C-alpha atoms as a PDB file:
ATOM      1  CA  UNK A   1      28.810 225.395  34.616  1.00  0.00           C
ATOM      2  CA  UNK A   2      26.293 222.563  34.595  1.00  0.00           C
ATOM      3  CA  UNK A   3      27.103 219.708  36.928  1.00  0.00           C
ATOM      4  CA  UNK A   4      27.503 216.219  35.453  1.00  0.00           C
ATOM      5  CA  UNK A   5      26.608 214.536  38.741  1.00  0.00           C
ATOM      6  CA  UNK A   6      23.362 212.653  39.368  1.00  0.00           C
ATOM      7  CA  UNK A   7      20.285 214.785  39.515  1.00  0.00           C
ATOM      8  CA  UNK A   8      17.909 214.637  42.418  1.00  0.00           C
ATOM      9  CA  UNK A   9      14.676 213.093  41.213  1.00  0.00           C
ATOM     10  CA  UNK A  10      11.500 214.941  42.092  1.00  0.00           C
ATOM     11  CA  UNK A  11       8.688 212.917  43.573  1.00  0.00           C
ATOM     12  CA  UNK A  12       5.046 213.837  43.564  1.00  0.00           C
ATOM     13  CA  UNK A  13       3.756 213.948  47.137  1.00  0.00           C
ATOM     14  CA  UNK A  14       0.838 211.689  47.978  1.00  0.00           C
ATOM     15  CA  UNK A  15      -2.488 213.458  48.428  1.00  0.00           C
ATOM     16  CA  UNK A  16      -3.669 213.948  52.017  1.00  0.00           C
ATOM     17  CA  UNK A  17      -5.688 211.126  53.545  1.00  0.00           C
ATOM     18  CA  UNK A  18      -8.955 212.434  54.972  1.00  0.00           C
ATOM     19  CA  UNK A  19     -10.789 210.766  57.841  1.00  0.00           C
ATOM     20  CA  UNK A  20     -13.503 211.120  60.466  1.00  0.00           C
ATOM     21  CA  UNK A  21     -13.251 209.910  64.058  1.00  0.00           C
ATOM     22  CA  UNK A  22     -16.251 207.861  65.233  1.00  0.00           C
ATOM     23  CA  UNK A  23     -17.238 206.479  68.635  1.00  0.00           C
ATOM     24  CA  UNK A  24     -17.693 202.683  68.625  1.00  0.00           C
ATOM     25  CA  UNK A  25     -20.354 202.812  71.342  1.00  0.00           C
ATOM     26  CA  UNK A  26     -22.603 205.576  70.002  1.00  0.00           C
ATOM     27  CA  UNK A  27     -22.013 205.032  66.281  1.00  0.00           C
ATOM     28  CA  UNK A  28     -21.675 208.804  65.925  1.00  0.00           C
ATOM     29  CA  UNK A  29     -18.809 211.173  65.215  1.00  0.00           C
ATOM     30  CA  UNK A  30     -16.464 211.398  68.178  1.00  0.00           C
ATOM     31  CA  UNK A  31     -17.344 214.283  70.452  1.00  0.00           C
ATOM     32  CA  UNK A  32     -15.494 217.522  69.702  1.00  0.00           C
ATOM     33  CA  UNK A  33     -13.881 216.372  66.433  1.00  0.00           C
ATOM     34  CA  UNK A  34     -14.156 217.394  62.786  1.00  0.00           C
ATOM     35  CA  UNK A  35     -12.775 215.944  59.581  1.00  0.00           C
ATOM     36  CA  UNK A  36      -8.977 215.770  59.550  1.00  0.00           C
ATOM     37  CA  UNK A  37      -6.250 214.772  57.134  1.00  0.00           C
ATOM     38  CA  UNK A  38      -2.768 213.315  57.427  1.00  0.00           C
ATOM     39  CA  UNK A  39       0.082 213.100  54.921  1.00  0.00           C
ATOM     40  CA  UNK A  40       1.719 209.723  54.374  1.00  0.00           C
ATOM     41  CA  UNK A  41       4.594 208.454  52.226  1.00  0.00           C
ATOM     42  CA  UNK A  42       3.605 206.670  48.996  1.00  0.00           C
ATOM     43  CA  UNK A  43       2.735 203.018  49.530  1.00  0.00           C
ATOM     44  CA  UNK A  44       1.723 203.460  53.174  1.00  0.00           C
ATOM     45  CA  UNK A  45      -0.537 200.836  54.737  1.00  0.00           C
ATOM     46  CA  UNK A  46      -3.633 201.176  56.891  1.00  0.00           C
ATOM     47  CA  UNK A  47      -1.519 200.431  59.972  1.00  0.00           C
ATOM     48  CA  UNK A  48       0.675 203.478  59.259  1.00  0.00           C
ATOM     49  CA  UNK A  49      -2.352 205.654  58.623  1.00  0.00           C
ATOM     50  CA  UNK A  50      -3.891 204.446  61.879  1.00  0.00           C
ATOM     51  CA  UNK A  51      -0.796 205.484  63.839  1.00  0.00           C
ATOM     52  CA  UNK A  52      -0.816 208.925  62.181  1.00  0.00           C
ATOM     53  CA  UNK A  53      -4.531 209.389  62.879  1.00  0.00           C
ATOM     54  CA  UNK A  54      -3.977 208.524  66.527  1.00  0.00           C
ATOM     55  CA  UNK A  55      -1.111 211.033  66.687  1.00  0.00           C
ATOM     56  CA  UNK A  56      -3.301 213.743  65.125  1.00  0.00           C
ATOM     57  CA  UNK A  57      -5.811 213.251  67.969  1.00  0.00           C
ATOM     58  CA  UNK A  58      -3.273 212.378  70.667  1.00  0.00           C
ATOM     59  CA  UNK A  59      -4.971 214.610  73.227  1.00  0.00           C
ATOM     60  CA  UNK A  60      -8.244 212.693  72.932  1.00  0.00           C
ATOM     61  CA  UNK A  61      -6.724 209.235  72.365  1.00  0.00           C
ATOM     62  CA  UNK A  62      -4.042 209.273  75.053  1.00  0.00           C
ATOM     63  CA  UNK A  63      -5.296 205.960  76.480  1.00  0.00           C
ATOM     64  CA  UNK A  64      -5.828 204.303  73.104  1.00  0.00           C
ATOM     65  CA  UNK A  65      -3.163 202.303  71.260  1.00  0.00           C
ATOM     66  CA  UNK A  66      -3.139 202.502  67.437  1.00  0.00           C
ATOM     67  CA  UNK A  67      -3.885 198.758  67.291  1.00  0.00           C
ATOM     68  CA  UNK A  68      -7.201 199.428  69.074  1.00  0.00           C
ATOM     69  CA  UNK A  69      -8.461 201.664  66.261  1.00  0.00           C
ATOM     70  CA  UNK A  70     -10.603 200.186  63.490  1.00  0.00           C
ATOM     71  CA  UNK A  71     -10.618 201.732  60.027  1.00  0.00           C
ATOM     72  CA  UNK A  72     -13.558 201.519  57.606  1.00  0.00           C
ATOM     73  CA  UNK A  73     -13.553 202.457  53.927  1.00  0.00           C
ATOM     74  CA  UNK A  74     -16.168 205.181  54.457  1.00  0.00           C
ATOM     75  CA  UNK A  75     -19.250 206.052  56.497  1.00  0.00           C
ATOM     76  CA  UNK A  76     -21.459 203.693  54.496  1.00  0.00           C
ATOM     77  CA  UNK A  77     -19.184 200.741  55.319  1.00  0.00           C
ATOM     78  CA  UNK A  78     -19.204 201.681  58.990  1.00  0.00           C
ATOM     79  CA  UNK A  79     -22.995 201.961  59.092  1.00  0.00           C
ATOM     80  CA  UNK A  80     -23.288 198.518  57.437  1.00  0.00           C
ATOM     81  CA  UNK A  81     -20.739 196.863  59.732  1.00  0.00           C
ATOM     82  CA  UNK A  82     -23.355 194.615  61.354  1.00  0.00           C
ATOM     83  CA  UNK A  83     -25.040 193.538  58.130  1.00  0.00           C
ATOM     84  CA  UNK A  84     -25.543 189.794  57.712  1.00  0.00           C
ATOM     85  CA  UNK A  85     -23.472 189.586  54.521  1.00  0.00           C
ATOM     86  CA  UNK A  86     -20.383 190.676  56.493  1.00  0.00           C
ATOM     87  CA  UNK A  87     -18.879 192.491  53.504  1.00  0.00           C
ATOM     88  CA  UNK A  88     -18.148 195.764  55.288  1.00  0.00           C
ATOM     89  CA  UNK A  89     -15.460 194.638  57.690  1.00  0.00           C
ATOM     90  CA  UNK A  90     -12.689 196.865  59.054  1.00  0.00           C
ATOM     91  CA  UNK A  91      -9.853 197.321  56.582  1.00  0.00           C
ATOM     92  CA  UNK A  92      -6.876 194.998  56.915  1.00  0.00           C
ATOM     93  CA  UNK A  93      -3.984 196.845  58.630  1.00  0.00           C
ATOM     94  CA  UNK A  94      -1.610 195.500  55.959  1.00  0.00           C
ATOM     95  CA  UNK A  95      -3.717 196.865  53.087  1.00  0.00           C
ATOM     96  CA  UNK A  96      -2.261 199.769  51.112  1.00  0.00           C
ATOM     97  CA  UNK A  97      -3.994 203.131  51.460  1.00  0.00           C
ATOM     98  CA  UNK A  98      -3.956 203.604  47.696  1.00  0.00           C
ATOM     99  CA  UNK A  99      -6.698 206.026  46.671  1.00  0.00           C
ATOM    100  CA  UNK A 100      -8.669 205.628  49.894  1.00  0.00           C
ATOM    101  CA  UNK A 101      -9.450 208.646  52.063  1.00  0.00           C
ATOM    102  CA  UNK A 102     -10.409 211.300  49.526  1.00  0.00           C
ATOM    103  CA  UNK A 103     -12.028 214.491  50.763  1.00  0.00           C
ATOM    104  CA  UNK A 104     -15.334 213.369  49.228  1.00  0.00           C
ATOM    105  CA  UNK A 105     -15.170 209.796  50.567  1.00  0.00           C
ATOM    106  CA  UNK A 106     -13.368 209.918  53.904  1.00  0.00           C
ATOM    107  CA  UNK A 107     -12.107 206.969  55.876  1.00  0.00           C
ATOM    108  CA  UNK A 108     -13.778 206.341  59.220  1.00  0.00           C
ATOM    109  CA  UNK A 109     -11.552 205.665  62.227  1.00  0.00           C
ATOM    110  CA  UNK A 110     -13.503 204.002  65.043  1.00  0.00           C
ATOM    111  CA  UNK A 111     -12.477 204.528  68.661  1.00  0.00           C
ATOM    112  CA  UNK A 112     -13.360 202.115  71.496  1.00  0.00           C
ATOM    113  CA  UNK A 113     -14.564 204.966  73.675  1.00  0.00           C
ATOM    114  CA  UNK A 114     -15.827 204.987  77.245  1.00  0.00           C
ATOM    115  CA  UNK A 115     -17.847 208.126  76.435  1.00  0.00           C
ATOM    116  CA  UNK A 116     -21.525 207.431  75.790  1.00  0.00           C
ATOM    117  CA  UNK A 117     -21.033 203.663  75.626  1.00  0.00           C
ATOM    118  CA  UNK A 118     -23.983 201.280  75.458  1.00  0.00           C
ATOM    119  CA  UNK A 119     -23.582 199.052  78.506  1.00  0.00           C
ATOM    120  CA  UNK A 120     -26.732 196.972  78.253  1.00  0.00           C
ATOM    121  CA  UNK A 121     -29.125 196.331  81.135  1.00  0.00           C
ATOM    122  CA  UNK A 122     -27.601 193.015  82.184  1.00  0.00           C
ATOM    123  CA  UNK A 123     -24.089 194.433  82.300  1.00  0.00           C
ATOM    124  CA  UNK A 124     -25.265 197.498  84.226  1.00  0.00           C
ATOM    125  CA  UNK A 125     -26.861 195.149  86.728  1.00  0.00           C
ATOM    126  CA  UNK A 126     -23.593 193.196  87.058  1.00  0.00           C
ATOM    127  CA  UNK A 127     -21.651 196.420  87.594  1.00  0.00           C
ATOM    128  CA  UNK A 128     -24.080 197.639  90.239  1.00  0.00           C
ATOM    129  CA  UNK A 129     -23.933 194.330  92.109  1.00  0.00           C
ATOM    130  CA  UNK A 130     -20.134 194.235  91.835  1.00  0.00           C
ATOM    131  CA  UNK A 131     -19.812 197.757  93.200  1.00  0.00           C
ATOM    132  CA  UNK A 132     -21.945 196.827  96.203  1.00  0.00           C
ATOM    133  CA  UNK A 133     -19.659 193.852  96.907  1.00  0.00           C
ATOM    134  CA  UNK A 134     -16.481 195.835  96.302  1.00  0.00           C
ATOM    135  CA  UNK A 135     -17.582 198.773  98.456  1.00  0.00           C
ATOM    136  CA  UNK A 136     -18.504 196.470 101.354  1.00  0.00           C
ATOM    137  CA  UNK A 137     -15.140 194.724 101.001  1.00  0.00           C
ATOM    138  CA  UNK A 138     -13.289 198.061 101.005  1.00  0.00           C
ATOM    139  CA  UNK A 139     -15.225 199.221 104.066  1.00  0.00           C
ATOM    140  CA  UNK A 140     -14.484 195.999 105.920  1.00  0.00           C
ATOM    141  CA  UNK A 141     -10.745 196.301 105.300  1.00  0.00           C
ATOM    142  CA  UNK A 142     -10.773 200.114 105.557  1.00  0.00           C
ATOM    143  CA  UNK A 143      -9.215 200.747 102.162  1.00  0.00           C
ATOM    144  CA  UNK A 144      -9.828 203.986 100.288  1.00  0.00           C
ATOM    145  CA  UNK A 145      -8.450 202.766  96.943  1.00  0.00           C
ATOM    146  CA  UNK A 146     -10.260 200.605  94.400  1.00  0.00           C
ATOM    147  CA  UNK A 147     -10.247 196.943  95.317  1.00  0.00           C
ATOM    148  CA  UNK A 148      -7.802 194.722  93.461  1.00  0.00           C
ATOM    149  CA  UNK A 149      -9.351 191.772  91.642  1.00  0.00           C
ATOM    150  CA  UNK A 150      -7.049 189.402  93.532  1.00  0.00           C
ATOM    151  CA  UNK A 151      -8.549 190.645  96.826  1.00  0.00           C
ATOM    152  CA  UNK A 152     -11.945 189.209  95.896  1.00  0.00           C
ATOM    153  CA  UNK A 153     -12.842 185.549  96.310  1.00  0.00           C
ATOM    154  CA  UNK A 154     -15.096 183.480  94.094  1.00  0.00           C
ATOM    155  CA  UNK A 155     -17.622 183.095  96.915  1.00  0.00           C
ATOM    156  CA  UNK A 156     -17.937 186.885  97.072  1.00  0.00           C
ATOM    157  CA  UNK A 157     -18.685 187.410  93.374  1.00  0.00           C
ATOM    158  CA  UNK A 158     -20.159 184.132  92.109  1.00  0.00           C
ATOM    159  CA  UNK A 159     -23.727 185.431  92.556  1.00  0.00           C
ATOM    160  CA  UNK A 160     -22.961 188.135  89.961  1.00  0.00           C
ATOM    161  CA  UNK A 161     -21.764 185.757  87.234  1.00  0.00           C
ATOM    162  CA  UNK A 162     -24.105 183.068  85.963  1.00  0.00           C
ATOM    163  CA  UNK A 163     -22.146 181.019  83.447  1.00  0.00           C
ATOM    164  CA  UNK A 164     -23.504 179.745  80.195  1.00  0.00           C
ATOM    165  CA  UNK A 165     -21.470 177.133  78.347  1.00  0.00           C
ATOM    166  CA  UNK A 166     -20.148 177.847  74.872  1.00  0.00           C
ATOM    167  CA  UNK A 167     -17.548 176.517  72.464  1.00  0.00           C
ATOM    168  CA  UNK A 168     -14.888 179.087  71.677  1.00  0.00           C
ATOM    169  CA  UNK A 169     -14.339 179.056  67.887  1.00  0.00           C
ATOM    170  CA  UNK A 170     -10.914 178.325  66.420  1.00  0.00           C
ATOM    171  CA  UNK A 171      -9.017 179.965  63.587  1.00  0.00           C
ATOM    172  CA  UNK A 172      -6.636 177.767  61.595  1.00  0.00           C
ATOM    173  CA  UNK A 173      -2.907 178.190  62.145  1.00  0.00           C
ATOM    174  CA  UNK A 174      -0.351 176.776  59.728  1.00  0.00           C
ATOM    175  CA  UNK A 175       1.792 173.843  60.827  1.00  0.00           C
ATOM    176  CA  UNK A 176       5.104 175.726  61.093  1.00  0.00           C
ATOM    177  CA  UNK A 177       4.225 177.952  64.112  1.00  0.00           C
ATOM    178  CA  UNK A 178       2.553 175.021  65.905  1.00  0.00           C
ATOM    179  CA  UNK A 179       5.547 172.754  65.241  1.00  0.00           C
ATOM    180  CA  UNK A 180       7.920 175.418  66.570  1.00  0.00           C
ATOM    181  CA  UNK A 181       5.762 176.037  69.678  1.00  0.00           C
ATOM    182  CA  UNK A 182       5.386 172.325  70.448  1.00  0.00           C
ATOM    183  CA  UNK A 183       9.130 171.744  70.040  1.00  0.00           C
ATOM    184  CA  UNK A 184       9.966 174.700  72.287  1.00  0.00           C
ATOM    185  CA  UNK A 185       7.582 173.499  74.997  1.00  0.00           C
ATOM    186  CA  UNK A 186       9.058 170.004  74.744  1.00  0.00           C
ATOM    187  CA  UNK A 187      12.534 171.462  75.308  1.00  0.00           C
ATOM    188  CA  UNK A 188      11.187 173.411  78.283  1.00  0.00           C
ATOM    189  CA  UNK A 189       9.577 170.267  79.713  1.00  0.00           C
ATOM    190  CA  UNK A 190      12.909 168.439  79.637  1.00  0.00           C
ATOM    191  CA  UNK A 191      14.771 171.421  81.096  1.00  0.00           C
ATOM    192  CA  UNK A 192      12.354 172.232  83.921  1.00  0.00           C
ATOM    193  CA  UNK A 193      11.285 168.651  84.695  1.00  0.00           C
ATOM    194  CA  UNK A 194       7.612 167.630  84.634  1.00  0.00           C
ATOM    195  CA  UNK A 195       4.943 170.136  85.624  1.00  0.00           C
ATOM    196  CA  UNK A 196       3.572 169.335  89.078  1.00  0.00           C
ATOM    197  CA  UNK A 197       1.204 171.039  91.499  1.00  0.00           C
ATOM    198  CA  UNK A 198       2.281 174.554  92.356  1.00  0.00           C
ATOM    199  CA  UNK A 199       5.433 176.043  90.811  1.00  0.00           C
ATOM    200  CA  UNK A 200       3.632 179.173  89.516  1.00  0.00           C
ATOM    201  CA  UNK A 201       6.870 180.809  88.338  1.00  0.00           C
ATOM    202  CA  UNK A 202       7.776 177.700  86.369  1.00  0.00           C
ATOM    203  CA  UNK A 203       4.346 177.431  84.761  1.00  0.00           C
ATOM    204  CA  UNK A 204       4.501 181.017  83.519  1.00  0.00           C
ATOM    205  CA  UNK A 205       7.462 179.979  81.343  1.00  0.00           C
ATOM    206  CA  UNK A 206       5.114 177.538  79.574  1.00  0.00           C
ATOM    207  CA  UNK A 207       2.156 179.940  79.266  1.00  0.00           C
ATOM    208  CA  UNK A 208       4.110 182.903  77.898  1.00  0.00           C
ATOM    209  CA  UNK A 209       5.418 181.188  74.714  1.00  0.00           C
ATOM    210  CA  UNK A 210       1.858 180.365  73.668  1.00  0.00           C
ATOM    211  CA  UNK A 211       0.809 183.995  74.119  1.00  0.00           C
ATOM    212  CA  UNK A 212       3.850 185.309  72.243  1.00  0.00           C
ATOM    213  CA  UNK A 213       3.386 182.802  69.424  1.00  0.00           C
ATOM    214  CA  UNK A 214      -0.172 184.068  68.867  1.00  0.00           C
ATOM    215  CA  UNK A 215       1.005 187.677  69.014  1.00  0.00           C
ATOM    216  CA  UNK A 216       3.622 186.982  66.344  1.00  0.00           C
ATOM    217  CA  UNK A 217       0.943 185.763  63.927  1.00  0.00           C
ATOM    218  CA  UNK A 218      -0.449 189.310  63.711  1.00  0.00           C
ATOM    219  CA  UNK A 219       2.930 190.711  62.570  1.00  0.00           C
ATOM    220  CA  UNK A 220       2.937 193.704  64.905  1.00  0.00           C
ATOM    221  CA  UNK A 221      -0.777 194.490  64.633  1.00  0.00           C
ATOM    222  CA  UNK A 222      -1.363 193.704  68.316  1.00  0.00           C
ATOM    223  CA  UNK A 223      -0.499 195.163  71.699  1.00  0.00           C
ATOM    224  CA  UNK A 224       0.727 192.613  74.244  1.00  0.00           C
ATOM    225  CA  UNK A 225       0.942 194.150  77.721  1.00  0.00           C
ATOM    226  CA  UNK A 226       2.715 192.208  80.472  1.00  0.00           C
ATOM    227  CA  UNK A 227       1.904 192.645  84.186  1.00  0.00           C
ATOM    228  CA  UNK A 228      -0.825 195.083  83.202  1.00  0.00           C
ATOM    229  CA  UNK A 229      -2.831 197.138  85.694  1.00  0.00           C
ATOM    230  CA  UNK A 230      -6.273 198.461  84.773  1.00  0.00           C
ATOM    231  CA  UNK A 231      -8.517 200.800  86.758  1.00  0.00           C
ATOM    232  CA  UNK A 232     -12.262 201.021  86.251  1.00  0.00           C
ATOM    233  CA  UNK A 233     -14.236 204.210  85.707  1.00  0.00           C
ATOM    234  CA  UNK A 234     -17.716 203.121  86.794  1.00  0.00           C
ATOM    235  CA  UNK A 235     -16.658 199.771  88.275  1.00  0.00           C
ATOM    236  CA  UNK A 236     -14.872 200.377  91.597  1.00  0.00           C
ATOM    237  CA  UNK A 237     -12.046 197.945  90.960  1.00  0.00           C
ATOM    238  CA  UNK A 238      -8.427 197.813  89.978  1.00  0.00           C
ATOM    239  CA  UNK A 239      -6.182 194.861  89.437  1.00  0.00           C
ATOM    240  CA  UNK A 240      -3.540 193.014  87.562  1.00  0.00           C
ATOM    241  CA  UNK A 241      -3.252 190.668  84.567  1.00  0.00           C
ATOM    242  CA  UNK A 242      -0.307 188.501  83.624  1.00  0.00           C
ATOM    243  CA  UNK A 243      -1.058 189.475  80.001  1.00  0.00           C
ATOM    244  CA  UNK A 244      -3.555 191.820  78.363  1.00  0.00           C
ATOM    245  CA  UNK A 245      -3.841 191.410  74.599  1.00  0.00           C
ATOM    246  CA  UNK A 246      -5.433 194.243  72.607  1.00  0.00           C
ATOM    247  CA  UNK A 247      -6.199 194.371  68.894  1.00  0.00           C
ATOM    248  CA  UNK A 248      -8.685 196.889  67.587  1.00  0.00           C
ATOM    249  CA  UNK A 249     -11.835 196.456  69.643  1.00  0.00           C
ATOM    250  CA  UNK A 250     -10.676 193.022  70.810  1.00  0.00           C
ATOM    251  CA  UNK A 251      -9.288 192.447  74.299  1.00  0.00           C
ATOM    252  CA  UNK A 252      -8.162 189.207  75.954  1.00  0.00           C
ATOM    253  CA  UNK A 253      -7.347 189.235  79.678  1.00  0.00           C
ATOM    254  CA  UNK A 254      -5.018 186.414  80.774  1.00  0.00           C
ATOM    255  CA  UNK A 255      -4.691 185.368  84.420  1.00  0.00           C
ATOM    256  CA  UNK A 256      -2.510 182.604  85.770  1.00  0.00           C
ATOM    257  CA  UNK A 257      -4.253 180.444  88.357  1.00  0.00           C
ATOM    258  CA  UNK A 258      -2.174 180.574  91.532  1.00  0.00           C
ATOM    259  CA  UNK A 259      -1.765 177.484  93.732  1.00  0.00           C
ATOM    260  CA  UNK A 260      -4.212 175.600  91.497  1.00  0.00           C
ATOM    261  CA  UNK A 261      -6.952 177.964  92.766  1.00  0.00           C
ATOM    262  CA  UNK A 262      -9.065 178.301  89.630  1.00  0.00           C
ATOM    263  CA  UNK A 263     -11.993 179.785  91.530  1.00  0.00           C
ATOM    264  CA  UNK A 264      -9.921 182.754  92.683  1.00  0.00           C
ATOM    265  CA  UNK A 265      -8.547 183.043  89.162  1.00  0.00           C
ATOM    266  CA  UNK A 266     -12.097 183.125  87.792  1.00  0.00           C
ATOM    267  CA  UNK A 267     -13.023 185.906  90.209  1.00  0.00           C
ATOM    268  CA  UNK A 268      -9.923 187.846  89.171  1.00  0.00           C
ATOM    269  CA  UNK A 269     -10.411 187.541  85.435  1.00  0.00           C
ATOM    270  CA  UNK A 270     -14.186 188.054  85.401  1.00  0.00           C
ATOM    271  CA  UNK A 271     -14.065 191.222  87.476  1.00  0.00           C
ATOM    272  CA  UNK A 272     -11.108 192.237  85.310  1.00  0.00           C
ATOM    273  CA  UNK A 273     -13.103 191.723  82.110  1.00  0.00           C
ATOM    274  CA  UNK A 274     -15.829 194.001  83.448  1.00  0.00           C
ATOM    275  CA  UNK A 275     -13.267 196.683  84.300  1.00  0.00           C
ATOM    276  CA  UNK A 276     -11.666 196.517  80.842  1.00  0.00           C
ATOM    277  CA  UNK A 277     -15.120 196.747  79.244  1.00  0.00           C
ATOM    278  CA  UNK A 278     -15.806 199.769  81.440  1.00  0.00           C
ATOM    279  CA  UNK A 279     -12.477 201.559  80.992  1.00  0.00           C
ATOM    280  CA  UNK A 280     -12.137 200.939  77.244  1.00  0.00           C
ATOM    281  CA  UNK A 281     -15.789 201.042  76.150  1.00  0.00           C
ATOM    282  CA  UNK A 282     -15.930 197.474  74.824  1.00  0.00           C
ATOM    283  CA  UNK A 283     -19.105 195.469  74.413  1.00  0.00           C
ATOM    284  CA  UNK A 284     -17.264 192.148  74.552  1.00  0.00           C
ATOM    285  CA  UNK A 285     -14.107 191.117  76.409  1.00  0.00           C
ATOM    286  CA  UNK A 286     -12.457 187.690  76.498  1.00  0.00           C
ATOM    287  CA  UNK A 287     -10.785 186.150  79.513  1.00  0.00           C
ATOM    288  CA  UNK A 288      -8.443 183.215  80.084  1.00  0.00           C
ATOM    289  CA  UNK A 289      -7.583 181.505  83.358  1.00  0.00           C
ATOM    290  CA  UNK A 290      -4.843 178.933  83.057  1.00  0.00           C
ATOM    291  CA  UNK A 291      -2.172 176.999  84.893  1.00  0.00           C
ATOM    292  CA  UNK A 292      -0.793 175.856  81.499  1.00  0.00           C
ATOM    293  CA  UNK A 293      -2.408 172.415  81.789  1.00  0.00           C
ATOM    294  CA  UNK A 294      -5.983 173.623  82.210  1.00  0.00           C
ATOM    295  CA  UNK A 295      -7.376 176.507  80.153  1.00  0.00           C
ATOM    296  CA  UNK A 296     -10.713 178.152  80.957  1.00  0.00           C
ATOM    297  CA  UNK A 297     -11.899 180.418  78.134  1.00  0.00           C
ATOM    298  CA  UNK A 298     -14.462 183.099  78.978  1.00  0.00           C
ATOM    299  CA  UNK A 299     -16.481 185.566  76.953  1.00  0.00           C
ATOM    300  CA  UNK A 300     -18.008 188.484  78.852  1.00  0.00           C
ATOM    301  CA  UNK A 301     -20.510 190.561  76.894  1.00  0.00           C
ATOM    302  CA  UNK A 302     -23.175 193.081  77.782  1.00  0.00           C
ATOM    303  CA  UNK A 303     -25.672 190.216  77.468  1.00  0.00           C
ATOM    304  CA  UNK A 304     -24.104 187.285  79.324  1.00  0.00           C
ATOM    305  CA  UNK A 305     -20.978 185.477  80.554  1.00  0.00           C
ATOM    306  CA  UNK A 306     -19.890 182.214  78.898  1.00  0.00           C
ATOM    307  CA  UNK A 307     -17.156 179.679  79.639  1.00  0.00           C
ATOM    308  CA  UNK A 308     -15.459 176.663  78.059  1.00  0.00           C
ATOM    309  CA  UNK A 309     -12.937 174.382  79.779  1.00  0.00           C
ATOM    310  CA  UNK A 310     -10.041 172.861  77.822  1.00  0.00           C
ATOM    311  CA  UNK A 311      -6.756 171.194  78.713  1.00  0.00           C
ATOM    312  CA  UNK A 312      -3.328 170.379  77.345  1.00  0.00           C
ATOM    313  CA  UNK A 313      -2.466 166.706  76.985  1.00  0.00           C
ATOM    314  CA  UNK A 314       0.938 166.132  78.598  1.00  0.00           C
ATOM    315  CA  UNK A 315       3.469 163.373  78.025  1.00  0.00           C
ATOM    316  CA  UNK A 316       6.900 162.905  79.634  1.00  0.00           C
ATOM    317  CA  UNK A 317       8.349 164.368  76.432  1.00  0.00           C
ATOM    318  CA  UNK A 318       6.144 167.458  76.366  1.00  0.00           C
ATOM    319  CA  UNK A 319       2.665 168.587  75.335  1.00  0.00           C
ATOM    320  CA  UNK A 320       0.570 166.866  72.694  1.00  0.00           C
ATOM    321  CA  UNK A 321       0.697 168.795  69.432  1.00  0.00           C
ATOM    322  CA  UNK A 322      -3.048 168.551  68.782  1.00  0.00           C
ATOM    323  CA  UNK A 323      -3.967 169.958  72.194  1.00  0.00           C
ATOM    324  CA  UNK A 324      -1.496 172.844  71.821  1.00  0.00           C
ATOM    325  CA  UNK A 325      -2.968 173.574  68.391  1.00  0.00           C
ATOM    326  CA  UNK A 326      -6.478 173.627  69.870  1.00  0.00           C
ATOM    327  CA  UNK A 327      -5.513 176.126  72.595  1.00  0.00           C
ATOM    328  CA  UNK A 328      -3.545 178.358  70.217  1.00  0.00           C
ATOM    329  CA  UNK A 329      -6.253 178.438  67.547  1.00  0.00           C
ATOM    330  CA  UNK A 330      -8.909 179.409  70.100  1.00  0.00           C
ATOM    331  CA  UNK A 331      -6.816 182.367  71.301  1.00  0.00           C
ATOM    332  CA  UNK A 332      -6.043 183.305  67.680  1.00  0.00           C
ATOM    333  CA  UNK A 333      -9.770 183.396  66.928  1.00  0.00           C
ATOM    334  CA  UNK A 334     -10.467 185.626  69.953  1.00  0.00           C
ATOM    335  CA  UNK A 335      -8.277 188.341  68.433  1.00  0.00           C
ATOM    336  CA  UNK A 336      -9.343 187.910  64.800  1.00  0.00           C
ATOM    337  CA  UNK A 337     -12.074 189.486  62.698  1.00  0.00           C
ATOM    338  CA  UNK A 338     -12.353 186.600  60.236  1.00  0.00           C
END
């Protein structure tokens, strides 16, 4: 007897999404890989595809977060990624897969790989000089492990880093997040009493909301690591960041200046930027040294090292909205592709 109950509707499965894995440093197909495909539910976005692609190659991408992967429409778009017109950017993680990734026009997933990376002569020179300093330091203190960034002083490493000044670009943020952040920090100012010299633990409660506010703007398309340790491959260093922000091939290393010692903080973050570039195969890494009031923005590339100094304007009621906006929009730009 035929049932009068509701019938189960049949759904047509989505076609497989085909892709190739490419190495960001070499611009070639990732070593030991061939074309692959993944199956996704209808309506899936690039972010979901990216996670599935990473899972398909989990043995090779064990140290890579899905948010670090860039996805291009096809090989032609990847090859034209540095063109002046800027039309062939990585696909937006929120974009729907749609008809992308056919077997005849595969997506390209780009991995920030440490294999075969292009370091650049100036960066190789920095790494060689750093290793000499680090090895002498380790020998002096009879340590067998890699040297922590915090063990090195500015006087030890300042000869390696010749600063050039730059102005870190900003990316506009709507009023609502800035209003919320400014109000929160004003509440914190009244609760904790005014910021004075020292009080590192207290200051971290003012730095963290700014970092988390920026992270929230990317709606999950970012990895925010707290108390992060990184170990170099070629660079003989290890160390610690208060925050390490990763998004695609973008990385921002955040160090809190302890006891108002910005020089030691600079040594820590600059050596740290070199280690992240080494370990994750990145051509450019950003750094921040801050005590909440002062913010030093750094850009470490295979060509040079640049720095800009900014500050937050404080009142008895809390931070000035315009200065908080300036800091937030600079960090937002560091992690953006626009």
